[in-house]
Amino acid sequence: MKDVGVREFRDHASSYLSGDEPLAVRRHGRVLGFYVPIKRKSDAEELRAALREARDSLAELRRESGLSEEELVEDLASEESEEQESGRVGG
């Protein structure tokens, strides 16, 4: 674990926060706190998690609305088409 002074931590915070090394932040030799970075998920893992969440949300919507999967897709497609025609969807 690397020791850094509070001023050094403040002045270089963005590089420390994007790094993967744990830090002990000190002022006048006394530990104020620790920064322990967490392991970040890969982009693929984050995408899979987002897709699982979307799938679960859609399943809940189907249960609550009583719509079939086909009806839900039709509704979503018709709403998207209406938004594009009215110019509400940006790209």
C-alpha atoms as a PDB file:
ATOM      1  CA  MET A   1       0.000   0.000   0.000  1.00  0.00           C
ATOM      2  CA  LYS A   2       1.336   3.377  -1.006  1.00  0.00           C
ATOM      3  CA  ASP A   3       1.359   6.308   1.444  1.00  0.00           C
ATOM      4  CA  VAL A   4       0.445   9.719   0.034  1.00  0.00           C
ATOM      5  CA  GLY A   5      -0.031  13.063   1.676  1.00  0.00           C
ATOM      6  CA  VAL A   6      -3.424  14.708   1.525  1.00  0.00           C
ATOM      7  CA  ARG A   7      -2.143  17.487  -0.774  1.00  0.00           C
ATOM      8  CA  GLU A   8      -0.553  15.007  -3.148  1.00  0.00           C
ATOM      9  CA  PHE A   9      -3.761  12.967  -3.177  1.00  0.00           C
ATOM     10  CA  ARG A  10      -5.824  16.092  -3.905  1.00  0.00           C
ATOM     11  CA  ASP A  11      -3.443  17.338  -6.604  1.00  0.00           C
ATOM     12  CA  HIS A  12      -3.281  13.965  -8.373  1.00  0.00           C
ATOM     13  CA  ALA A  13      -6.705  12.603  -7.461  1.00  0.00           C
ATOM     14  CA  SER A  14      -7.766  11.719 -11.011  1.00  0.00           C
ATOM     15  CA  SER A  15      -4.691   9.577 -11.617  1.00  0.00           C
ATOM     16  CA  TYR A  16      -4.943   7.894  -8.205  1.00  0.00           C
ATOM     17  CA  LEU A  17      -8.667   7.236  -8.618  1.00  0.00           C
ATOM     18  CA  SER A  18      -8.173   5.702 -12.057  1.00  0.00           C
ATOM     19  CA  GLY A  19      -5.333   3.514 -10.790  1.00  0.00           C
ATOM     20  CA  ASP A  20      -5.490   0.128  -9.135  1.00  0.00           C
ATOM     21  CA  GLU A  21      -3.118   0.658  -6.200  1.00  0.00           C
ATOM     22  CA  PRO A  22      -4.503   0.937  -2.636  1.00  0.00           C
ATOM     23  CA  LEU A  23      -3.504   4.153  -0.873  1.00  0.00           C
ATOM     24  CA  ALA A  24      -3.172   5.375   2.689  1.00  0.00           C
ATOM     25  CA  VAL A  25      -3.855   9.110   2.746  1.00  0.00           C
ATOM     26  CA  ARG A  26      -1.971  10.957   5.496  1.00  0.00           C
ATOM     27  CA  ARG A  27      -1.852  14.446   6.972  1.00  0.00           C
ATOM     28  CA  HIS A  28       1.112  15.303   9.173  1.00  0.00           C
ATOM     29  CA  GLY A  29       2.011  11.615   9.310  1.00  0.00           C
ATOM     30  CA  ARG A  30      -1.412  10.481  10.605  1.00  0.00           C
ATOM     31  CA  VAL A  31      -3.655   8.317   8.468  1.00  0.00           C
ATOM     32  CA  LEU A  32      -6.829  10.136   7.451  1.00  0.00           C
ATOM     33  CA  GLY A  33      -8.238   7.310   5.400  1.00  0.00           C
ATOM     34  CA  PHE A  34      -7.698   4.681   2.787  1.00  0.00           C
ATOM     35  CA  TYR A  35      -8.534   4.413  -0.866  1.00  0.00           C
ATOM     36  CA  VAL A  36      -9.009   0.826  -1.973  1.00  0.00           C
ATOM     37  CA  PRO A  37     -10.048   0.547  -5.617  1.00  0.00           C
ATOM     38  CA  ILE A  38     -12.508  -2.135  -6.604  1.00  0.00           C
ATOM     39  CA  LYS A  39     -11.918  -4.359  -9.576  1.00  0.00           C
ATOM     40  CA  ARG A  40     -13.914  -2.955 -12.430  1.00  0.00           C
ATOM     41  CA  LYS A  41     -15.969  -5.250 -14.600  1.00  0.00           C
ATOM     42  CA  SER A  42     -15.003  -5.575 -18.221  1.00  0.00           C
ATOM     43  CA  ASP A  43     -17.187  -3.917 -20.832  1.00  0.00           C
ATOM     44  CA  ALA A  44     -18.523  -7.345 -21.826  1.00  0.00           C
ATOM     45  CA  GLU A  45     -19.493  -8.120 -18.222  1.00  0.00           C
ATOM     46  CA  GLU A  46     -21.220  -4.743 -17.870  1.00  0.00           C
ATOM     47  CA  LEU A  47     -23.100  -5.336 -21.127  1.00  0.00           C
ATOM     48  CA  ARG A  48     -24.229  -8.799 -19.989  1.00  0.00           C
ATOM     49  CA  ALA A  49     -25.418  -7.352 -16.667  1.00  0.00           C
ATOM     50  CA  ALA A  50     -27.356  -4.602 -18.484  1.00  0.00           C
ATOM     51  CA  LEU A  51     -28.944  -7.136 -20.817  1.00  0.00           C
ATOM     52  CA  ARG A  52     -29.967  -9.336 -17.858  1.00  0.00           C
ATOM     53  CA  GLU A  53     -31.540  -6.311 -16.178  1.00  0.00           C
ATOM     54  CA  ALA A  54     -33.390  -5.371 -19.380  1.00  0.00           C
ATOM     55  CA  ARG A  55     -34.605  -8.971 -19.797  1.00  0.00           C
ATOM     56  CA  ASP A  56     -35.879  -9.050 -16.217  1.00  0.00           C
ATOM     57  CA  SER A  57     -37.612  -5.692 -16.632  1.00  0.00           C
ATOM     58  CA  LEU A  58     -39.322  -6.848 -19.817  1.00  0.00           C
ATOM     59  CA  ALA A  59     -40.435 -10.077 -18.156  1.00  0.00           C
ATOM     60  CA  GLU A  60     -41.939  -8.070 -15.307  1.00  0.00           C
ATOM     61  CA  LEU A  61     -43.661  -5.733 -17.781  1.00  0.00           C
ATOM     62  CA  ARG A  62     -45.140  -8.724 -19.609  1.00  0.00           C
ATOM     63  CA  ARG A  63     -46.423 -10.205 -16.342  1.00  0.00           C
ATOM     64  CA  GLU A  64     -47.950  -6.927 -15.187  1.00  0.00           C
ATOM     65  CA  SER A  65     -49.491  -5.963 -18.530  1.00  0.00           C
ATOM     66  CA  GLY A  66     -50.636  -9.409 -19.617  1.00  0.00           C
ATOM     67  CA  LEU A  67     -49.193  -8.746 -23.076  1.00  0.00           C
ATOM     68  CA  SER A  68     -47.582 -11.517 -25.071  1.00  0.00           C
ATOM     69  CA  GLU A  69     -44.021 -11.061 -26.251  1.00  0.00           C
ATOM     70  CA  GLU A  70     -45.283 -10.390 -29.783  1.00  0.00           C
ATOM     71  CA  GLU A  71     -47.768  -7.757 -28.567  1.00  0.00           C
ATOM     72  CA  LEU A  72     -45.081  -6.046 -26.526  1.00  0.00           C
ATOM     73  CA  VAL A  73     -42.700  -5.952 -29.516  1.00  0.00           C
ATOM     74  CA  GLU A  74     -45.470  -4.540 -31.729  1.00  0.00           C
ATOM     75  CA  ASP A  75     -46.264  -1.830 -29.168  1.00  0.00           C
ATOM     76  CA  LEU A  76     -42.609  -0.874 -28.796  1.00  0.00           C
ATOM     77  CA  ALA A  77     -42.098  -0.809 -32.573  1.00  0.00           C
ATOM     78  CA  SER A  78     -45.166   1.359 -33.159  1.00  0.00           C
ATOM     79  CA  GLU A  79     -44.088   3.827 -30.425  1.00  0.00           C
ATOM     80  CA  GLU A  80     -40.594   4.064 -31.944  1.00  0.00           C
ATOM     81  CA  SER A  81     -42.095   4.658 -35.382  1.00  0.00           C
ATOM     82  CA  GLU A  82     -44.359   7.422 -34.027  1.00  0.00           C
ATOM     83  CA  GLU A  83     -41.416   9.088 -32.263  1.00  0.00           C
ATOM     84  CA  GLN A  84     -39.309   9.018 -35.434  1.00  0.00           C
ATOM     85  CA  GLU A  85     -42.136  10.497 -37.483  1.00  0.00           C
ATOM     86  CA  SER A  86     -42.593  13.334 -34.984  1.00  0.00           C
ATOM     87  CA  GLY A  87     -38.835  13.969 -34.771  1.00  0.00           C
ATOM     88  CA  ARG A  88     -38.600  13.155 -31.046  1.00  0.00           C
ATOM     89  CA  VAL A  89     -35.827  10.580 -31.420  1.00  0.00           C
ATOM     90  CA  GLY A  90     -32.319  12.001 -31.646  1.00  0.00           C
ATOM     91  CA  GLY A  91     -29.346  10.140 -33.087  1.00  0.00           C
END
